[in-house]
Amino acid sequence: MKRSQRSWHLRLNHFNIIRTTHMDFEQYLTRQRTAIQKNKYSKIKINELFVFARQFHTLLKAGIPLFRSIEIIISQTQNKHLKYVCLIIKSELLEGSSLSDAMKLFPHIFPNFFISLISVGETRGNIDESFNRMATYLDKKRELQNKIVNALIYPVILIATGLVVITLLISFVLPKFVSIFIQNETPLPFITQITLGISAFITSHYIIILACIMASVAGIGINYNTPKGRLQFDQIIIKLPVIGPIVYNIAIIRFARTLGILYGSGIALITSIEMARDIMGNLYLGGFINQAIKSVKEGKGVAGTLNDSGQFPPILVEMIGTGEETGTLDTLAVEAADFLDNETEYIIRRQIAYIEPIALIFIGGLIVIIAASLLLPIFRLASSIHH
């Protein structure tokens, strides 16, 4: 029986695909690959990608062959996008492609950083260690994300609740009371008149206000997607109060950890720096990294250029400098990232400690003003009725 006529048996949870020919199956995978590649929003969550890398590491380290490992991962994966990706990778492996080449089909899921690790692992015969490095990187990244999210939960809830209360008071409660005051010919205090004017303006022009907000957001988005606009945005955001130090540290951590992992896996220094620059996600800081790359090509060190720029923390410069001298650049770069990781957690807590009282005072002050706008006319109305 020809290979194209052999039957394939495929069992997928949540998918009604039970028996199909090899040709139909290949056509099906081709359609799914095209759909996933076109859908840039079908990204895999970091937790799922972490589990994917950790599973691969565990299975390969246990001596299970690559092809069998991907089959086990397919059977255990719940995310439909990741399951499709694994199926397509399996199909590519059957056709003779390497794992790294198969992963290149999905650059929005597997960045060059990951693919380079796998490629080096394939060359050196320690692909399990490549997945271990990938899993470690993702674990640190999700830990930092969780710290930021957990720290922001209370302030966001506080601000959102306060804004909802203020909107309800201005849009519904205040106008009803004002109509009562007008019917009883109660003179409105100055603060009530101002609050009522703001309320009337918002309720009568809310469409224009929303349109202006949407247009502003769209304009910022369009400008951000241009190289010049992105550069300006990245430069401004790291200098902003409160969020600037956090964004800055996250970019530096990404650079240092990626550099250490890539260089430690055997990738050339210049290539490691270039990929770490791309991973850090800040074009402004990336410009200074480009200067460091130029210095390395000229036979100079990385630390000196980073230090001369004045844009990088001393701990990172010193660690990289020591690593260049002792041949432990990979280890010390990761240690610098770990240090900055802990420092970032402290910065987040400190900034949140500033945000919470400011938010309370701001929201509370607005509510007090609105409450005064309601209570003062009530007191006047009660006084006139009494007299």
Foldseek 3Di string as FASTA:
>chain_A
DDQQADKDADDAPPDPDGIDTPVVVVVVLVVLLVVLQVPLVLEDDLVLVLVVLLQQLVCVVVVHDPLVSLVVCLRVDDRPNVNSLSVQLSVVVVVPDDSLVSCVSRCSHPPPLLSLLCVLCVVVVNNSVSSVLVSVVSVLVVVLVVLLCVLCPVLVVLLVVLVVVLLCLLAPVLVVLVVVLVVVVQDADPLLVVSNVVSVCCVVCVVVVVVVVVVVVVVLVVLCPDPVSVQVVLVVQLVDPLRNVLLLLQLLLQLLLQQLSSVVSPDDNLVSLVVSLVRSRGVNVSVLSVVLSVQVVVVHHNLVSVVVVVSDDPQQSVLCVVCVVPVNNSVSSNVSSVVSSVVSSVSSNVSSVVSVVVSCCVSVVSVVSSVCSNVVSVVSSVVVVVD
